[in-house]
Amino acid sequence: MQHEDILRTYEDLHKLAEPSGKEQNTSAYLRGRLEAAGFALRTFPDHHGFYAELSGETNAVIALRADMDALLQEVDGEVRPNHACGHDAHSTMVLHTALRAVESGHSYHHTLRFIFQPAEEIAAGALQMLKGGALDDVRFLGGIHLRPAKEVPNKKAAPVILHGSIVTLKAVVRGVPAHAARPEFANNPIEAGTRLLEALKQVHIERPYSFKVTEFHAGEASNAIPEKARLTFDARAAETGTLDDIMKQAETLMRQVALDTKTDIEWEWVEFSPAAVKHEQAVALAEKAIGVAVSDDAVVPPCVSPGAEDFHFYTHHQKGLPATMIGLGCGLEPGLHHPKMTFDTSALFTGVDILEALLLEADHVTWEGK
């Protein structure tokens, strides 16, 4: 019956599919299940995130985190919320791990906290939960994420996902508009933008990174030189510190282009997400949990992902926090964020088993902390 309930929960959440910041019904569904099981809930007036607690022998907390939001993307020609990143699966697994903690009757030394955060897709939810005290008294934090088949094989799991860091550069080049028949009265921002595009190719770091233009837009009429051009760049790196070096080099180059072209260049860095920090003790616990819940043969090496995850804001803002996000192999095809993403839903059962084992292993540790 428990497997049937897990699948039913997943199907319910999959149908709800609410975008970042609008997870009202998803949150209400999860809160209802947890309240009925006797959990104490902490909600917030300015967003739909919440966390649920089960008191232990001490106030020191071990926690699991799930994300709730769906992507807003085009599916079959219609733009709509769509669970193509597996957040419905993550919420399902963390919810049923919480319910199992009650049903098992196990006496935990630590207080258990189950964090359900909004807005992961726009890298805002973890920061909202941090502001609300979601990490207060937390000694260990775990998470789980579905992985594509090409990264982690089905029925296997990686004890940590090593996401990279990401930031977006938004730049606006402002020149002087004029009629195309009188270009001598203009200072063409398109030409300056092209200079900027070429200049930023000079950014070079002796560490793994990517810095690519993703948008270049200027002008609306064929016979007019516009006032401004807009460029967007996607910057990624394996380490958060590498992004700092990219940003410094890029800003120096943008100032020089503005000077050379006699234009104004305004810029901002947005949508930052920090890189994963591998915590050896937390990873070792996850390895053990996978071995206990599945088998030692099910443990695969760390999953290195070029993507980003706002889970890592928790360790970015609470330095040294033992934390890890498990990568769950589930036969996921063709890939995350693909509008037709599918996976083997029986992996949900494995995920709950692993998370339950992770809590039990973490509960046996005497964690340092305030």
Protein backbone atom coordinates (compact mmCIF):
# COMPACT_ATOMS: atom_id res chain seq x y z
CA MET A 1 0.00 0.00 0.00
CA GLN A 2 2.85 2.39 0.74
CA HIS A 3 4.15 2.13 -2.83
CA GLU A 4 0.67 2.90 -4.12
CA ASP A 5 0.47 5.95 -1.84
CA ILE A 6 3.87 7.20 -3.03
CA LEU A 7 2.82 6.91 -6.67
CA ARG A 8 -0.51 8.58 -5.95
CA THR A 9 1.27 11.46 -4.22
CA TYR A 10 3.59 11.89 -7.17
CA GLU A 11 0.69 11.88 -9.62
CA ASP A 12 -1.18 14.46 -7.54
CA LEU A 13 1.82 16.80 -7.35
CA HIS A 14 2.64 16.28 -11.02
CA LYS A 15 -0.84 17.49 -11.96
CA LEU A 16 -0.64 20.56 -9.72
CA ALA A 17 2.54 21.91 -11.42
CA GLU A 18 2.81 25.51 -10.21
CA PRO A 19 5.62 27.90 -11.29
CA SER A 20 8.13 29.61 -9.02
CA GLY A 21 6.50 31.80 -6.40
CA LYS A 22 3.01 30.44 -7.06
CA GLU A 23 3.21 27.06 -5.32
CA GLN A 24 0.06 27.69 -3.26
CA ASN A 25 -1.80 24.45 -3.98
CA THR A 26 1.35 22.32 -3.92
CA SER A 27 2.27 23.72 -0.53
CA ALA A 28 -1.26 23.24 0.81
CA TYR A 29 -1.31 19.62 -0.35
CA LEU A 30 1.99 18.82 1.36
CA ARG A 31 1.10 20.70 4.53
CA GLY A 32 -2.20 18.85 4.76
CA ARG A 33 -0.48 15.46 4.63
CA LEU A 34 2.08 16.47 7.25
CA GLU A 35 -0.41 18.14 9.61
CA ALA A 36 -2.57 15.01 9.52
CA ALA A 37 0.49 12.98 10.55
CA GLY A 38 1.11 15.21 13.57
CA PHE A 39 3.97 17.41 12.37
CA ALA A 40 4.45 20.95 13.66
CA LEU A 41 4.62 23.36 10.73
CA ARG A 42 6.34 26.70 10.22
CA THR A 43 4.88 28.78 7.39
CA PHE A 44 5.73 32.25 6.08
CA PRO A 45 3.54 35.21 5.07
CA ASP A 46 5.55 36.24 2.00
CA HIS A 47 6.00 32.91 0.17
CA HIS A 48 4.63 29.35 0.03
CA GLY A 49 7.66 27.58 1.49
CA PHE A 50 7.41 25.89 4.86
CA TYR A 51 9.07 23.31 7.04
CA ALA A 52 7.73 20.51 9.21
CA GLU A 53 9.29 19.20 12.41
CA LEU A 54 9.20 16.05 14.46
CA SER A 55 10.68 16.59 17.90
CA GLY A 56 13.56 14.42 19.00
CA GLU A 57 15.42 14.03 22.26
CA THR A 58 17.37 17.24 21.58
CA ASN A 59 16.76 20.52 19.79
CA ALA A 60 19.67 19.87 17.44
CA VAL A 61 18.23 19.33 13.96
CA ILE A 62 18.95 17.02 11.05
CA ALA A 63 17.07 18.10 7.96
CA LEU A 64 16.01 17.12 4.46
CA ARG A 65 15.12 19.65 1.77
CA ALA A 66 12.78 19.38 -1.22
CA ASP A 67 11.81 21.89 -3.90
CA MET A 68 8.22 22.41 -5.04
CA ASP A 69 8.10 24.63 -8.13
CA ALA A 70 7.61 23.62 -11.75
CA LEU A 71 9.19 25.12 -14.84
CA LEU A 72 7.28 27.57 -16.99
CA GLN A 73 8.01 26.26 -20.48
CA GLU A 74 6.53 25.55 -23.89
CA VAL A 75 4.99 22.10 -24.19
CA ASP A 76 3.33 21.12 -27.47
CA GLY A 77 3.05 24.78 -28.47
CA GLU A 78 1.51 25.90 -25.16
CA VAL A 79 3.45 27.79 -22.48
CA ARG A 80 2.48 26.36 -19.11
CA PRO A 81 3.91 25.08 -15.80
CA ASN A 82 5.56 21.72 -16.35
CA HIS A 83 7.41 19.42 -13.95
CA ALA A 84 10.40 18.70 -16.19
CA CYS A 85 13.03 18.97 -13.43
CA GLY A 86 11.58 16.41 -11.03
CA HIS A 87 10.59 18.71 -8.17
CA ASP A 88 7.30 16.85 -7.84
CA ALA A 89 9.35 13.68 -7.34
CA HIS A 90 11.62 15.35 -4.78
CA SER A 91 8.67 16.60 -2.74
CA THR A 92 7.08 13.16 -2.94
CA MET A 93 10.19 11.42 -1.62
CA VAL A 94 10.83 13.87 1.22
CA LEU A 95 7.14 13.85 2.23
CA HIS A 96 7.03 10.06 2.44
CA THR A 97 10.34 9.94 4.28
CA ALA A 98 8.74 12.23 6.86
CA LEU A 99 5.59 10.11 7.05
CA ARG A 100 7.68 6.96 7.43
CA ALA A 101 9.58 8.55 10.33
CA VAL A 102 6.27 8.81 12.19
CA GLU A 103 4.93 5.43 11.13
CA SER A 104 8.11 3.60 12.09
CA GLY A 105 7.84 4.70 15.70
CA HIS A 106 11.63 5.10 15.80
CA SER A 107 12.88 7.38 18.58
CA TYR A 108 15.23 9.94 17.05
CA HIS A 109 17.91 11.65 19.10
CA HIS A 110 17.80 14.72 16.85
CA THR A 111 14.78 16.77 15.90
CA LEU A 112 13.83 16.07 12.29
CA ARG A 113 13.08 18.97 9.95
CA PHE A 114 11.64 18.61 6.46
CA ILE A 115 12.12 21.76 4.38
CA PHE A 116 9.84 22.37 1.40
CA GLN A 117 11.09 25.40 -0.48
CA PRO A 118 9.61 27.46 -3.30
CA ALA A 119 11.26 29.08 -6.31
CA GLU A 120 14.28 26.86 -6.91
CA GLU A 121 14.08 27.42 -10.65
CA ILE A 122 14.74 31.15 -10.23
CA ALA A 123 17.36 30.64 -7.50
CA ALA A 124 15.26 32.48 -4.92
CA GLY A 125 13.68 29.81 -2.72
CA ALA A 126 16.67 28.78 -0.62
CA LEU A 127 17.39 32.43 0.22
CA GLN A 128 13.78 32.91 1.29
CA MET A 129 13.97 29.85 3.54
CA LEU A 130 17.29 30.96 5.00
CA LYS A 131 15.76 34.33 5.86
CA GLY A 132 12.96 32.48 7.63
CA GLY A 133 15.34 30.48 9.82
CA ALA A 134 15.09 27.13 8.06
CA LEU A 135 18.68 26.33 9.04
CA ASP A 136 18.37 27.36 12.68
CA ASP A 137 19.91 24.60 14.84
CA VAL A 138 20.53 22.41 11.75
CA ARG A 139 23.58 20.14 12.12
CA PHE A 140 23.13 18.14 8.90
CA LEU A 141 21.23 18.81 5.67
CA GLY A 142 20.39 16.29 2.96
CA GLY A 143 18.68 16.52 -0.40
CA ILE A 144 17.96 14.39 -3.44
CA HIS A 145 17.61 15.07 -7.16
CA LEU A 146 16.65 12.89 -10.10
CA ARG A 147 19.54 12.46 -12.55
CA PRO A 148 19.52 11.83 -16.29
CA ALA A 149 20.33 8.27 -17.39
CA LYS A 150 23.59 9.46 -18.97
CA GLU A 151 24.79 10.76 -15.58
CA VAL A 152 23.62 8.11 -13.10
CA PRO A 153 22.35 4.65 -14.18
CA ASN A 154 18.90 3.50 -13.17
CA LYS A 155 18.73 1.81 -9.75
CA LYS A 156 22.03 3.45 -8.77
CA ALA A 157 22.73 6.60 -6.76
CA ALA A 158 25.57 9.08 -6.38
CA PRO A 159 26.28 10.27 -2.81
CA VAL A 160 26.77 13.86 -3.97
CA ILE A 161 25.99 16.05 -6.98
CA LEU A 162 28.77 18.52 -7.69
CA HIS A 163 26.88 21.34 -9.35
CA GLY A 164 28.78 24.30 -10.66
CA SER A 165 28.29 27.99 -9.98
CA ILE A 166 26.40 30.26 -12.34
CA VAL A 167 25.74 33.97 -12.84
CA THR A 168 24.12 35.96 -15.64
CA LEU A 169 25.51 39.21 -17.03
CA LYS A 170 22.94 41.70 -18.32
CA ALA A 171 24.55 44.57 -20.25
CA VAL A 172 22.95 47.56 -21.98
CA VAL A 173 24.97 49.68 -24.43
CA ARG A 174 23.55 53.20 -24.87
CA GLY A 175 24.56 55.24 -27.89
CA VAL A 176 22.99 58.08 -29.86
CA PRO A 177 20.02 57.32 -32.15
CA ALA A 178 19.57 58.79 -35.61
CA HIS A 179 17.92 58.19 -38.96
CA ALA A 180 19.81 55.57 -40.94
CA ALA A 181 20.21 58.14 -43.74
CA ARG A 182 22.23 60.35 -41.39
CA PRO A 183 24.57 57.97 -39.54
CA GLU A 184 27.03 60.81 -38.90
CA PHE A 185 24.69 62.09 -36.20
CA ALA A 186 24.56 58.71 -34.43
CA ASN A 187 26.75 56.67 -32.16
CA ASN A 188 25.62 53.21 -33.11
CA PRO A 189 25.13 50.93 -30.07
CA ILE A 190 25.01 47.88 -32.35
CA GLU A 191 28.56 48.52 -33.46
CA ALA A 192 29.61 49.16 -29.88
CA GLY A 193 27.79 46.02 -28.79
CA THR A 194 29.70 44.03 -31.39
CA ARG A 195 32.93 45.48 -30.02
CA LEU A 196 31.81 44.45 -26.55
CA LEU A 197 30.99 40.94 -27.72
CA GLU A 198 34.46 40.54 -29.21
CA ALA A 199 36.15 42.12 -26.19
CA LEU A 200 34.54 39.74 -23.73
CA LYS A 201 36.00 36.81 -25.63
CA GLN A 202 39.29 37.91 -24.05
CA VAL A 203 38.12 36.73 -20.63
CA HIS A 204 40.37 33.83 -19.74
CA ILE A 205 40.70 31.82 -16.53
CA GLU A 206 43.08 28.90 -15.98
CA ARG A 207 40.28 26.86 -14.40
CA PRO A 208 37.17 25.15 -15.81
CA TYR A 209 34.59 27.74 -16.86
CA SER A 210 32.19 28.83 -19.59
CA PHE A 211 31.32 32.42 -20.57
CA LYS A 212 29.01 32.63 -23.57
CA VAL A 213 26.70 35.23 -25.10
CA THR A 214 23.06 34.09 -25.06
CA GLU A 215 21.24 37.23 -26.23
CA PHE A 216 21.99 40.22 -28.48
CA HIS A 217 19.06 42.49 -29.26
CA ALA A 218 18.95 45.99 -30.76
CA GLY A 219 16.67 48.02 -32.95
CA GLU A 220 13.11 47.68 -34.18
CA ALA A 221 13.15 49.52 -37.52
CA SER A 222 15.19 48.94 -40.67
CA ASN A 223 15.78 52.65 -41.29
CA ALA A 224 16.77 53.84 -37.82
CA ILE A 225 19.90 53.52 -35.72
CA PRO A 226 18.66 52.60 -32.23
CA GLU A 227 19.59 54.18 -28.93
CA LYS A 228 20.56 50.98 -27.17
CA ALA A 229 21.63 47.39 -27.56
CA ARG A 230 21.05 44.63 -25.00
CA LEU A 231 23.39 41.67 -24.43
CA THR A 232 23.15 38.73 -22.05
CA PHE A 233 25.97 36.37 -21.10
CA ASP A 234 25.84 33.07 -19.22
CA ALA A 235 28.85 32.46 -16.95
CA ARG A 236 29.49 29.09 -15.32
CA ALA A 237 32.35 27.61 -13.35
CA ALA A 238 33.14 24.55 -11.28
CA GLU A 239 34.04 26.77 -8.31
CA THR A 240 32.29 29.89 -7.05
CA GLY A 241 35.59 31.77 -6.76
CA THR A 242 36.20 31.38 -10.48
CA LEU A 243 33.07 33.43 -11.18
CA ASP A 244 34.57 36.29 -9.17
CA ASP A 245 37.58 36.31 -11.52
CA ILE A 246 35.33 36.20 -14.61
CA MET A 247 33.31 39.13 -13.30
CA LYS A 248 36.39 41.25 -12.55
CA GLN A 249 37.88 40.67 -16.00
CA ALA A 250 34.57 41.31 -17.74
CA GLU A 251 33.98 44.58 -15.89
CA THR A 252 37.45 45.86 -16.82
CA LEU A 253 36.79 45.05 -20.47
CA MET A 254 33.33 46.66 -20.43
CA ARG A 255 34.76 49.89 -19.04
CA GLN A 256 37.40 49.93 -21.77
CA VAL A 257 34.86 49.35 -24.55
CA ALA A 258 32.66 52.15 -23.20
CA LEU A 259 35.66 54.48 -23.25
CA ASP A 260 36.76 53.43 -26.73
CA THR A 261 33.30 53.69 -28.29
CA LYS A 262 32.15 56.76 -26.34
CA THR A 263 29.02 54.92 -25.24
CA ASP A 264 27.52 54.27 -21.84
CA ILE A 265 27.53 50.62 -20.81
CA GLU A 266 25.42 49.64 -17.83
CA TRP A 267 25.54 46.13 -16.45
CA GLU A 268 24.34 43.94 -13.64
CA TRP A 269 25.08 40.41 -12.47
CA VAL A 270 21.92 38.45 -11.71
CA GLU A 271 20.64 34.92 -11.07
CA PHE A 272 23.70 33.86 -9.11
CA SER A 273 23.89 30.34 -7.70
CA PRO A 274 26.94 29.09 -5.79
CA ALA A 275 28.76 25.86 -6.55
CA ALA A 276 28.47 22.71 -4.46
CA VAL A 277 30.93 22.28 -1.61
CA LYS A 278 31.82 18.62 -1.09
CA HIS A 279 31.63 17.72 2.60
CA GLU A 280 33.46 14.43 3.04
CA GLN A 281 31.61 13.32 6.18
CA ALA A 282 28.20 14.06 4.65
CA VAL A 283 29.14 12.23 1.44
CA ALA A 284 30.36 9.23 3.44
CA LEU A 285 27.01 9.09 5.26
CA ALA A 286 25.17 9.20 1.93
CA GLU A 287 27.33 6.37 0.57
CA LYS A 288 26.48 4.28 3.61
CA ALA A 289 22.78 5.11 3.33
CA ILE A 290 22.69 4.04 -0.32
CA GLY A 291 24.48 0.82 0.57
CA VAL A 292 22.06 0.07 3.40
CA ALA A 293 18.91 0.98 1.46
CA VAL A 294 19.90 -0.61 -1.86
CA SER A 295 23.33 -2.25 -1.99
CA ASP A 296 26.99 -1.33 -1.97
CA ASP A 297 27.00 -1.97 -5.71
CA ALA A 298 24.38 0.76 -6.14
CA VAL A 299 26.83 3.47 -5.05
CA VAL A 300 28.39 5.29 -8.01
CA PRO A 301 31.02 8.07 -8.04
CA PRO A 302 30.05 11.70 -7.42
CA CYS A 303 27.86 13.14 -10.16
CA VAL A 304 29.48 16.19 -11.76
CA SER A 305 26.81 18.43 -13.27
CA PRO A 306 27.24 21.52 -15.45
CA GLY A 307 23.94 22.80 -14.11
CA ALA A 308 23.28 24.86 -10.98
CA GLU A 309 21.13 24.24 -7.89
CA ASP A 310 20.05 26.71 -5.25
CA PHE A 311 20.42 23.96 -2.61
CA HIS A 312 24.00 25.18 -2.39
CA PHE A 313 22.94 28.57 -1.02
CA TYR A 314 22.46 26.75 2.28
CA THR A 315 26.14 25.83 2.53
CA HIS A 316 27.22 29.09 0.90
CA HIS A 317 25.63 31.07 3.72
CA GLN A 318 26.34 28.59 6.52
CA LYS A 319 29.97 27.74 5.89
CA GLY A 320 31.04 24.26 6.92
CA LEU A 321 27.50 22.87 7.25
CA PRO A 322 27.62 19.11 6.62
CA ALA A 323 25.34 18.73 3.62
CA THR A 324 24.98 16.67 0.49
CA MET A 325 22.52 16.25 -2.37
CA ILE A 326 22.13 12.66 -3.54
CA GLY A 327 21.85 12.00 -7.27
CA LEU A 328 19.17 9.36 -7.90
CA GLY A 329 19.46 7.20 -11.02
CA CYS A 330 15.98 6.66 -12.44
CA GLY A 331 16.28 6.09 -16.19
CA LEU A 332 15.46 9.73 -16.84
CA GLU A 333 15.19 10.59 -20.55
CA PRO A 334 15.87 12.62 -22.63
CA GLY A 335 17.10 15.05 -20.00
CA LEU A 336 16.19 17.50 -17.26
CA HIS A 337 14.19 20.53 -18.40
CA HIS A 338 13.15 18.73 -21.58
CA PRO A 339 9.38 19.29 -21.96
CA LYS A 340 8.82 15.54 -22.50
CA MET A 341 11.03 14.34 -19.64
CA THR A 342 10.09 10.94 -18.22
CA PHE A 343 11.63 8.60 -15.66
CA ASP A 344 11.09 5.24 -13.98
CA THR A 345 8.70 6.15 -11.17
CA SER A 346 9.62 3.00 -9.22
CA ALA A 347 12.80 4.94 -8.37
CA LEU A 348 10.64 6.96 -5.97
CA PHE A 349 10.50 3.93 -3.67
CA THR A 350 14.28 3.65 -3.74
CA GLY A 351 14.62 7.35 -3.04
CA VAL A 352 12.45 7.14 0.08
CA ASP A 353 14.44 4.14 1.31
CA ILE A 354 17.71 6.02 0.81
CA LEU A 355 16.48 9.18 2.55
CA GLU A 356 15.15 7.18 5.50
CA ALA A 357 18.53 5.46 5.81
CA LEU A 358 20.29 8.82 5.53
CA LEU A 359 18.30 10.23 8.44
CA LEU A 360 19.03 7.18 10.57
CA GLU A 361 22.75 7.38 9.79
CA ALA A 362 22.86 11.13 10.48
CA ASP A 363 20.99 10.62 13.74
CA HIS A 364 23.81 8.38 15.01
CA VAL A 365 26.41 11.15 14.61
CA THR A 366 27.31 13.59 17.34
CA TRP A 367 27.40 16.73 15.22
CA GLU A 368 29.32 19.81 16.20
CA GLY A 369 27.40 23.07 16.25
CA LYS A 370 25.83 25.77 18.32
